[in-house]
Protein backbone atom coordinates (compact mmCIF):
# COMPACT_ATOMS: atom_id res chain seq x y z
CA UNK A 1 0.00 0.00 0.00
CA UNK A 2 1.60 3.26 -0.99
CA UNK A 3 -1.07 5.90 -0.31
CA UNK A 4 -0.16 9.43 0.67
CA UNK A 5 0.99 9.54 4.27
CA UNK A 6 1.69 5.80 4.48
CA UNK A 7 4.99 3.94 4.46
CA UNK A 8 5.63 0.50 3.06
CA UNK A 9 7.35 -1.62 5.71
CA UNK A 10 8.59 -5.14 5.05
CA UNK A 11 7.99 -7.40 8.05
CA UNK A 12 7.70 -11.08 8.82
CA UNK A 13 4.37 -12.33 10.13
CA UNK A 14 3.26 -15.73 11.34
CA UNK A 15 0.17 -17.11 9.63
CA UNK A 16 -1.27 -20.59 9.39
CA UNK A 17 -0.29 -22.45 6.21
CA UNK A 18 -3.98 -22.71 5.36
CA UNK A 19 -4.18 -18.90 4.99
CA UNK A 20 -1.34 -18.84 2.49
CA UNK A 21 -2.85 -21.80 0.64
CA UNK A 22 -6.16 -19.92 0.40
CA UNK A 23 -4.42 -16.83 -1.04
CA UNK A 24 -2.55 -18.94 -3.60
CA UNK A 25 -5.76 -20.73 -4.63
CA UNK A 26 -7.63 -17.45 -5.04
CA UNK A 27 -4.78 -16.01 -7.12
CA UNK A 28 -4.94 -19.05 -9.39
CA UNK A 29 -8.72 -18.67 -9.76
CA UNK A 30 -8.39 -14.98 -10.61
CA UNK A 31 -5.66 -15.44 -13.22
CA UNK A 32 -6.99 -14.11 -16.50
CA UNK A 33 -6.13 -14.95 -20.07
CA UNK A 34 -5.65 -12.03 -22.46
CA UNK A 35 -6.59 -11.93 -26.17
CA UNK A 36 -3.26 -13.56 -27.08
CA UNK A 37 -3.86 -16.50 -24.73
CA UNK A 38 -1.26 -15.35 -22.22
CA UNK A 39 -2.20 -15.63 -18.54
CA UNK A 40 -1.86 -12.63 -16.27
CA UNK A 41 -1.61 -13.83 -12.72
CA UNK A 42 -1.42 -12.19 -9.34
CA UNK A 43 1.59 -12.52 -7.05
CA UNK A 44 0.33 -14.16 -3.83
CA UNK A 45 2.84 -12.16 -1.78
CA UNK A 46 1.46 -8.88 -3.16
CA UNK A 47 -2.11 -10.02 -2.56
CA UNK A 48 -1.33 -11.10 1.01
CA UNK A 49 0.43 -7.79 1.67
CA UNK A 50 -2.58 -5.82 0.41
CA UNK A 51 -4.96 -7.94 2.47
CA UNK A 52 -2.96 -7.52 5.69
CA UNK A 53 -2.65 -3.77 5.08
CA UNK A 54 -6.39 -3.48 4.51
CA UNK A 55 -7.12 -5.55 7.62
CA UNK A 56 -4.86 -3.32 9.75
CA UNK A 57 -6.47 -0.18 8.36
CA UNK A 58 -10.02 -1.44 8.88
CA UNK A 59 -9.26 -2.61 12.43
CA UNK A 60 -7.64 0.61 13.64
CA UNK A 61 -4.10 -0.68 13.99
CA UNK A 62 -2.85 2.83 14.69
CA UNK A 63 -4.86 3.00 17.89
CA UNK A 64 -3.75 -0.54 18.82
CA UNK A 65 -0.04 0.20 18.57
CA UNK A 66 -0.34 3.47 20.48
CA UNK A 67 -1.30 1.46 23.59
CA UNK A 68 1.92 0.41 25.35
CA UNK A 69 0.13 -2.62 26.87
CA UNK A 70 0.02 -4.17 23.40
CA UNK A 71 3.79 -4.25 22.99
CA UNK A 72 5.51 -7.58 23.59
CA UNK A 73 8.23 -7.80 26.20
CA UNK A 74 11.42 -7.25 24.25
PDB file of N, CA and C in Angstrom:
ATOM      1  N   UNK A   1       0.872  -1.168   0.000  1.00  0.00           N
ATOM      2  CA  UNK A   1       0.000   0.000   0.000  1.00  0.00           C
ATOM      3  C   UNK A   1       0.912   1.222   0.000  1.00  0.00           C
ATOM      4  N   UNK A   2       0.709   2.120  -0.881  1.00  0.00           N
ATOM      5  CA  UNK A   2       1.595   3.263  -0.992  1.00  0.00           C
ATOM      6  C   UNK A   2       0.794   4.548  -1.117  1.00  0.00           C
ATOM      7  N   UNK A   3      -0.259   4.702  -0.304  1.00  0.00           N
ATOM      8  CA  UNK A   3      -1.072   5.899  -0.308  1.00  0.00           C
ATOM      9  C   UNK A   3      -0.312   7.044   0.339  1.00  0.00           C
ATOM     10  N   UNK A   4      -0.764   8.246   0.070  1.00  0.00           N
ATOM     11  CA  UNK A   4      -0.155   9.427   0.668  1.00  0.00           C
ATOM     12  C   UNK A   4      -0.189   9.317   2.182  1.00  0.00           C
ATOM     13  N   UNK A   5       0.933   9.582   2.813  1.00  0.00           N
ATOM     14  CA  UNK A   5       0.995   9.538   4.269  1.00  0.00           C
ATOM     15  C   UNK A   5       1.252   8.158   4.839  1.00  0.00           C
ATOM     16  N   UNK A   6       1.423   7.159   4.008  1.00  0.00           N
ATOM     17  CA  UNK A   6       1.692   5.804   4.481  1.00  0.00           C
ATOM     18  C   UNK A   6       3.066   5.361   4.016  1.00  0.00           C
ATOM     19  N   UNK A   7       3.700   4.526   4.809  1.00  0.00           N
ATOM     20  CA  UNK A   7       4.989   3.944   4.463  1.00  0.00           C
ATOM     21  C   UNK A   7       4.812   2.465   4.183  1.00  0.00           C
ATOM     22  N   UNK A   8       5.603   1.937   3.287  1.00  0.00           N
ATOM     23  CA  UNK A   8       5.631   0.503   3.061  1.00  0.00           C
ATOM     24  C   UNK A   8       6.749  -0.069   3.914  1.00  0.00           C
ATOM     25  N   UNK A   9       6.390  -1.005   4.789  1.00  0.00           N
ATOM     26  CA  UNK A   9       7.352  -1.618   5.706  1.00  0.00           C
ATOM     27  C   UNK A   9       7.339  -3.123   5.456  1.00  0.00           C
ATOM     28  N   UNK A  10       8.502  -3.693   5.239  1.00  0.00           N
ATOM     29  CA  UNK A  10       8.593  -5.145   5.049  1.00  0.00           C
ATOM     30  C   UNK A  10       8.811  -5.792   6.413  1.00  0.00           C
ATOM     31  N   UNK A  11       7.915  -6.707   6.763  1.00  0.00           N
ATOM     32  CA  UNK A  11       7.989  -7.396   8.049  1.00  0.00           C
ATOM     33  C   UNK A  11       7.721  -8.883   7.836  1.00  0.00           C
ATOM     34  N   UNK A  12       8.037  -9.663   8.823  1.00  0.00           N
ATOM     35  CA  UNK A  12       7.699 -11.082   8.823  1.00  0.00           C
ATOM     36  C   UNK A  12       6.515 -11.273   9.747  1.00  0.00           C
ATOM     37  N   UNK A  13       5.531 -12.027   9.302  1.00  0.00           N
ATOM     38  CA  UNK A  13       4.372 -12.326  10.131  1.00  0.00           C
ATOM     39  C   UNK A  13       4.164 -13.836  10.150  1.00  0.00           C
ATOM     40  N   UNK A  14       3.579 -14.311  11.224  1.00  0.00           N
ATOM     41  CA  UNK A  14       3.262 -15.730  11.336  1.00  0.00           C
ATOM     42  C   UNK A  14       1.797 -15.925  10.996  1.00  0.00           C
ATOM     43  N   UNK A  15       1.542 -16.786  10.013  1.00  0.00           N
ATOM     44  CA  UNK A  15       0.169 -17.106   9.629  1.00  0.00           C
ATOM     45  C   UNK A  15       0.073 -18.621   9.462  1.00  0.00           C
ATOM     46  N   UNK A  16      -1.112 -19.150   9.624  1.00  0.00           N
ATOM     47  CA  UNK A  16      -1.271 -20.587   9.385  1.00  0.00           C
ATOM     48  C   UNK A  16      -1.051 -20.908   7.905  1.00  0.00           C
ATOM     49  N   UNK A  17      -0.481 -22.068   7.611  1.00  0.00           N
ATOM     50  CA  UNK A  17      -0.286 -22.453   6.212  1.00  0.00           C
ATOM     51  C   UNK A  17      -1.589 -22.410   5.418  1.00  0.00           C
ATOM     52  N   UNK A  18      -2.699 -22.703   6.061  1.00  0.00           N
ATOM     53  CA  UNK A  18      -3.980 -22.710   5.355  1.00  0.00           C
ATOM     54  C   UNK A  18      -4.335 -21.323   4.808  1.00  0.00           C
ATOM     55  N   UNK A  19      -3.914 -20.263   5.488  1.00  0.00           N
ATOM     56  CA  UNK A  19      -4.176 -18.903   4.991  1.00  0.00           C
ATOM     57  C   UNK A  19      -3.396 -18.647   3.704  1.00  0.00           C
ATOM     58  N   UNK A  20      -2.146 -19.029   3.697  1.00  0.00           N
ATOM     59  CA  UNK A  20      -1.336 -18.838   2.492  1.00  0.00           C
ATOM     60  C   UNK A  20      -1.868 -19.703   1.356  1.00  0.00           C
ATOM     61  N   UNK A  21      -2.277 -20.925   1.662  1.00  0.00           N
ATOM     62  CA  UNK A  21      -2.849 -21.797   0.643  1.00  0.00           C
ATOM     63  C   UNK A  21      -4.107 -21.169   0.040  1.00  0.00           C
ATOM     64  N   UNK A  22      -4.934 -20.558   0.889  1.00  0.00           N
ATOM     65  CA  UNK A  22      -6.161 -19.917   0.404  1.00  0.00           C
ATOM     66  C   UNK A  22      -5.833 -18.759  -0.537  1.00  0.00           C
ATOM     67  N   UNK A  23      -4.825 -17.957  -0.183  1.00  0.00           N
ATOM     68  CA  UNK A  23      -4.423 -16.833  -1.036  1.00  0.00           C
ATOM     69  C   UNK A  23      -3.918 -17.350  -2.378  1.00  0.00           C
ATOM     70  N   UNK A  24      -3.088 -18.377  -2.347  1.00  0.00           N
ATOM     71  CA  UNK A  24      -2.551 -18.940  -3.595  1.00  0.00           C
ATOM     72  C   UNK A  24      -3.685 -19.478  -4.465  1.00  0.00           C
ATOM     73  N   UNK A  25      -4.629 -20.192  -3.875  1.00  0.00           N
ATOM     74  CA  UNK A  25      -5.756 -20.732  -4.627  1.00  0.00           C
ATOM     75  C   UNK A  25      -6.599 -19.622  -5.251  1.00  0.00           C
ATOM     76  N   UNK A  26      -6.848 -18.566  -4.500  1.00  0.00           N
ATOM     77  CA  UNK A  26      -7.630 -17.445  -5.036  1.00  0.00           C
ATOM     78  C   UNK A  26      -6.889 -16.763  -6.176  1.00  0.00           C
ATOM     79  N   UNK A  27      -5.574 -16.622  -6.042  1.00  0.00           N
ATOM     80  CA  UNK A  27      -4.784 -16.006  -7.118  1.00  0.00           C
ATOM     81  C   UNK A  27      -4.862 -16.850  -8.388  1.00  0.00           C
ATOM     82  N   UNK A  28      -4.831 -18.166  -8.226  1.00  0.00           N
ATOM     83  CA  UNK A  28      -4.938 -19.050  -9.388  1.00  0.00           C
ATOM     84  C   UNK A  28      -6.314 -18.916 -10.042  1.00  0.00           C
ATOM     85  N   UNK A  29      -7.363 -18.819  -9.224  1.00  0.00           N
ATOM     86  CA  UNK A  29      -8.719 -18.670  -9.755  1.00  0.00           C
ATOM     87  C   UNK A  29      -8.885 -17.360 -10.517  1.00  0.00           C
ATOM     88  N   UNK A  30      -8.221 -16.313 -10.033  1.00  0.00           N
ATOM     89  CA  UNK A  30      -8.388 -14.985 -10.606  1.00  0.00           C
ATOM     90  C   UNK A  30      -7.479 -14.706 -11.794  1.00  0.00           C
ATOM     91  N   UNK A  31      -6.544 -15.620 -12.065  1.00  0.00           N
ATOM     92  CA  UNK A  31      -5.655 -15.436 -13.217  1.00  0.00           C
ATOM     93  C   UNK A  31      -6.502 -15.333 -14.478  1.00  0.00           C
ATOM     94  N   UNK A  32      -6.186 -14.356 -15.309  1.00  0.00           N
ATOM     95  CA  UNK A  32      -6.990 -14.107 -16.503  1.00  0.00           C
ATOM     96  C   UNK A  32      -6.152 -14.265 -17.761  1.00  0.00           C
ATOM     97  N   UNK A  33      -6.794 -14.771 -18.782  1.00  0.00           N
ATOM     98  CA  UNK A  33      -6.135 -14.948 -20.074  1.00  0.00           C
ATOM     99  C   UNK A  33      -6.460 -13.735 -20.947  1.00  0.00           C
ATOM    100  N   UNK A  34      -5.421 -13.167 -21.572  1.00  0.00           N
ATOM    101  CA  UNK A  34      -5.654 -12.033 -22.461  1.00  0.00           C
ATOM    102  C   UNK A  34      -6.021 -12.520 -23.865  1.00  0.00           C
ATOM    103  N   UNK A  35      -6.180 -11.598 -24.794  1.00  0.00           N
ATOM    104  CA  UNK A  35      -6.588 -11.934 -26.165  1.00  0.00           C
ATOM    105  C   UNK A  35      -5.569 -12.813 -26.887  1.00  0.00           C
ATOM    106  N   UNK A  36      -4.315 -12.752 -26.447  1.00  0.00           N
ATOM    107  CA  UNK A  36      -3.262 -13.555 -27.077  1.00  0.00           C
ATOM    108  C   UNK A  36      -3.098 -14.920 -26.411  1.00  0.00           C
ATOM    109  N   UNK A  37      -3.930 -15.211 -25.416  1.00  0.00           N
ATOM    110  CA  UNK A  37      -3.857 -16.496 -24.727  1.00  0.00           C
ATOM    111  C   UNK A  37      -2.853 -16.546 -23.601  1.00  0.00           C
ATOM    112  N   UNK A  38      -2.245 -15.405 -23.294  1.00  0.00           N
ATOM    113  CA  UNK A  38      -1.257 -15.350 -22.217  1.00  0.00           C
ATOM    114  C   UNK A  38      -1.979 -15.073 -20.893  1.00  0.00           C
ATOM    115  N   UNK A  39      -1.596 -15.821 -19.859  1.00  0.00           N
ATOM    116  CA  UNK A  39      -2.198 -15.626 -18.539  1.00  0.00           C
ATOM    117  C   UNK A  39      -1.526 -14.478 -17.797  1.00  0.00           C
ATOM    118  N   UNK A  40      -2.343 -13.691 -17.139  1.00  0.00           N
ATOM    119  CA  UNK A  40      -1.859 -12.632 -16.268  1.00  0.00           C
ATOM    120  C   UNK A  40      -2.278 -13.004 -14.855  1.00  0.00           C
ATOM    121  N   UNK A  41      -1.302 -13.339 -14.054  1.00  0.00           N
ATOM    122  CA  UNK A  41      -1.606 -13.825 -12.718  1.00  0.00           C
ATOM    123  C   UNK A  41      -1.284 -12.762 -11.674  1.00  0.00           C
ATOM    124  N   UNK A  42      -1.660 -13.069 -10.467  1.00  0.00           N
ATOM    125  CA  UNK A  42      -1.419 -12.192  -9.335  1.00  0.00           C
ATOM    126  C   UNK A  42      -0.355 -12.830  -8.452  1.00  0.00           C
ATOM    127  N   UNK A  43       0.559 -12.032  -7.958  1.00  0.00           N
ATOM    128  CA  UNK A  43       1.592 -12.521  -7.050  1.00  0.00           C
ATOM    129  C   UNK A  43       0.961 -12.705  -5.668  1.00  0.00           C
ATOM    130  N   UNK A  44       0.934 -13.935  -5.144  1.00  0.00           N
ATOM    131  CA  UNK A  44       0.327 -14.159  -3.830  1.00  0.00           C
ATOM    132  C   UNK A  44       0.924 -13.289  -2.724  1.00  0.00           C
ATOM    133  N   UNK A  45       2.220 -13.006  -2.799  1.00  0.00           N
ATOM    134  CA  UNK A  45       2.841 -12.158  -1.779  1.00  0.00           C
ATOM    135  C   UNK A  45       2.268 -10.746  -1.826  1.00  0.00           C
ATOM    136  N   UNK A  46       2.051 -10.217  -3.024  1.00  0.00           N
ATOM    137  CA  UNK A  46       1.461  -8.884  -3.158  1.00  0.00           C
ATOM    138  C   UNK A  46       0.017  -8.871  -2.676  1.00  0.00           C
ATOM    139  N   UNK A  47      -0.713  -9.930  -2.996  1.00  0.00           N
ATOM    140  CA  UNK A  47      -2.110 -10.023  -2.562  1.00  0.00           C
ATOM    141  C   UNK A  47      -2.180 -10.116  -1.047  1.00  0.00           C
ATOM    142  N   UNK A  48      -1.344 -10.958  -0.452  1.00  0.00           N
ATOM    143  CA  UNK A  48      -1.326 -11.101   1.006  1.00  0.00           C
ATOM    144  C   UNK A  48      -0.956  -9.777   1.673  1.00  0.00           C
ATOM    145  N   UNK A  49       0.022  -9.087   1.133  1.00  0.00           N
ATOM    146  CA  UNK A  49       0.426  -7.793   1.672  1.00  0.00           C
ATOM    147  C   UNK A  49      -0.735  -6.798   1.656  1.00  0.00           C
ATOM    148  N   UNK A  50      -1.440  -6.738   0.528  1.00  0.00           N
ATOM    149  CA  UNK A  50      -2.577  -5.822   0.413  1.00  0.00           C
ATOM    150  C   UNK A  50      -3.683  -6.193   1.395  1.00  0.00           C
ATOM    151  N   UNK A  51      -3.907  -7.498   1.558  1.00  0.00           N
ATOM    152  CA  UNK A  51      -4.960  -7.940   2.473  1.00  0.00           C
ATOM    153  C   UNK A  51      -4.624  -7.612   3.927  1.00  0.00           C
ATOM    154  N   UNK A  52      -3.373  -7.838   4.322  1.00  0.00           N
ATOM    155  CA  UNK A  52      -2.956  -7.522   5.691  1.00  0.00           C
ATOM    156  C   UNK A  52      -3.030  -6.018   5.921  1.00  0.00           C
ATOM    157  N   UNK A  53      -2.586  -5.234   4.950  1.00  0.00           N
ATOM    158  CA  UNK A  53      -2.653  -3.774   5.078  1.00  0.00           C
ATOM    159  C   UNK A  53      -4.089  -3.298   5.229  1.00  0.00           C
ATOM    160  N   UNK A  54      -4.981  -3.860   4.417  1.00  0.00           N
ATOM    161  CA  UNK A  54      -6.390  -3.475   4.508  1.00  0.00           C
ATOM    162  C   UNK A  54      -6.973  -3.885   5.862  1.00  0.00           C
ATOM    163  N   UNK A  55      -6.636  -5.076   6.326  1.00  0.00           N
ATOM    164  CA  UNK A  55      -7.119  -5.547   7.623  1.00  0.00           C
ATOM    165  C   UNK A  55      -6.655  -4.607   8.742  1.00  0.00           C
ATOM    166  N   UNK A  56      -5.393  -4.223   8.716  1.00  0.00           N
ATOM    167  CA  UNK A  56      -4.865  -3.321   9.746  1.00  0.00           C
ATOM    168  C   UNK A  56      -5.558  -1.967   9.701  1.00  0.00           C
ATOM    169  N   UNK A  57      -5.795  -1.470   8.508  1.00  0.00           N
ATOM    170  CA  UNK A  57      -6.474  -0.184   8.360  1.00  0.00           C
ATOM    171  C   UNK A  57      -7.908  -0.249   8.871  1.00  0.00           C
ATOM    172  N   UNK A  58      -8.616  -1.302   8.491  1.00  0.00           N
ATOM    173  CA  UNK A  58     -10.023  -1.437   8.877  1.00  0.00           C
ATOM    174  C   UNK A  58     -10.205  -1.720  10.367  1.00  0.00           C
ATOM    175  N   UNK A  59      -9.160  -2.244  11.017  1.00  0.00           N
ATOM    176  CA  UNK A  59      -9.264  -2.607  12.428  1.00  0.00           C
ATOM    177  C   UNK A  59      -8.472  -1.678  13.329  1.00  0.00           C
ATOM    178  N   UNK A  60      -8.241  -0.458  12.856  1.00  0.00           N
ATOM    179  CA  UNK A  60      -7.640   0.613  13.637  1.00  0.00           C
ATOM    180  C   UNK A  60      -6.320   0.215  14.293  1.00  0.00           C
ATOM    181  N   UNK A  61      -5.402  -0.283  13.488  1.00  0.00           N
ATOM    182  CA  UNK A  61      -4.097  -0.682  13.991  1.00  0.00           C
ATOM    183  C   UNK A  61      -3.358   0.475  14.645  1.00  0.00           C
ATOM    184  N   UNK A  62      -3.540   1.671  14.126  1.00  0.00           N
ATOM    185  CA  UNK A  62      -2.846   2.833  14.686  1.00  0.00           C
ATOM    186  C   UNK A  62      -3.186   3.003  16.166  1.00  0.00           C
ATOM    187  N   UNK A  63      -4.452   2.885  16.497  1.00  0.00           N
ATOM    188  CA  UNK A  63      -4.861   2.997  17.892  1.00  0.00           C
ATOM    189  C   UNK A  63      -4.294   1.833  18.712  1.00  0.00           C
ATOM    190  N   UNK A  64      -4.265   0.648  18.129  1.00  0.00           N
ATOM    191  CA  UNK A  64      -3.751  -0.538  18.816  1.00  0.00           C
ATOM    192  C   UNK A  64      -2.283  -0.362  19.188  1.00  0.00           C
ATOM    193  N   UNK A  65      -1.472   0.110  18.262  1.00  0.00           N
ATOM    194  CA  UNK A  65      -0.044   0.195  18.568  1.00  0.00           C
ATOM    195  C   UNK A  65       0.306   1.385  19.448  1.00  0.00           C
ATOM    196  N   UNK A  66      -0.593   2.345  19.586  1.00  0.00           N
ATOM    197  CA  UNK A  66      -0.338   3.466  20.484  1.00  0.00           C
ATOM    198  C   UNK A  66      -0.469   3.063  21.949  1.00  0.00           C
ATOM    199  N   UNK A  67      -1.115   1.945  22.223  1.00  0.00           N
ATOM    200  CA  UNK A  67      -1.296   1.456  23.591  1.00  0.00           C
ATOM    201  C   UNK A  67      -0.086   0.617  23.979  1.00  0.00           C
ATOM    202  N   UNK A  68       0.678   1.092  24.951  1.00  0.00           N
ATOM    203  CA  UNK A  68       1.918   0.408  25.345  1.00  0.00           C
ATOM    204  C   UNK A  68       1.660  -0.992  25.902  1.00  0.00           C
ATOM    205  N   UNK A  69       0.455  -1.282  26.352  1.00  0.00           N
ATOM    206  CA  UNK A  69       0.125  -2.616  26.870  1.00  0.00           C
ATOM    207  C   UNK A  69       0.134  -3.659  25.757  1.00  0.00           C
ATOM    208  N   UNK A  70       0.034  -3.239  24.517  1.00  0.00           N
ATOM    209  CA  UNK A  70       0.015  -4.165  23.403  1.00  0.00           C
ATOM    210  C   UNK A  70       1.409  -4.567  22.912  1.00  0.00           C
ATOM    211  N   UNK A  71       2.444  -3.940  23.441  1.00  0.00           N
ATOM    212  CA  UNK A  71       3.794  -4.247  22.994  1.00  0.00           C
ATOM    213  C   UNK A  71       4.296  -5.498  23.707  1.00  0.00           C
ATOM    214  N   UNK A  72       4.955  -6.380  22.944  1.00  0.00           N
ATOM    215  CA  UNK A  72       5.510  -7.578  23.592  1.00  0.00           C
ATOM    216  C   UNK A  72       6.719  -7.198  24.438  1.00  0.00           C
ATOM    217  N   UNK A  73       7.017  -8.032  25.394  1.00  0.00           N
ATOM    218  CA  UNK A  73       8.231  -7.804  26.196  1.00  0.00           C
ATOM    219  C   UNK A  73       9.423  -8.082  25.285  1.00  0.00           C
ATOM    220  N   UNK A  74      10.265  -7.098  25.152  1.00  0.00           N
ATOM    221  CA  UNK A  74      11.416  -7.250  24.250  1.00  0.00           C
ATOM    222  C   UNK A  74      12.618  -7.794  24.977  1.00  0.00           C
TER     223      UNK A  74
END
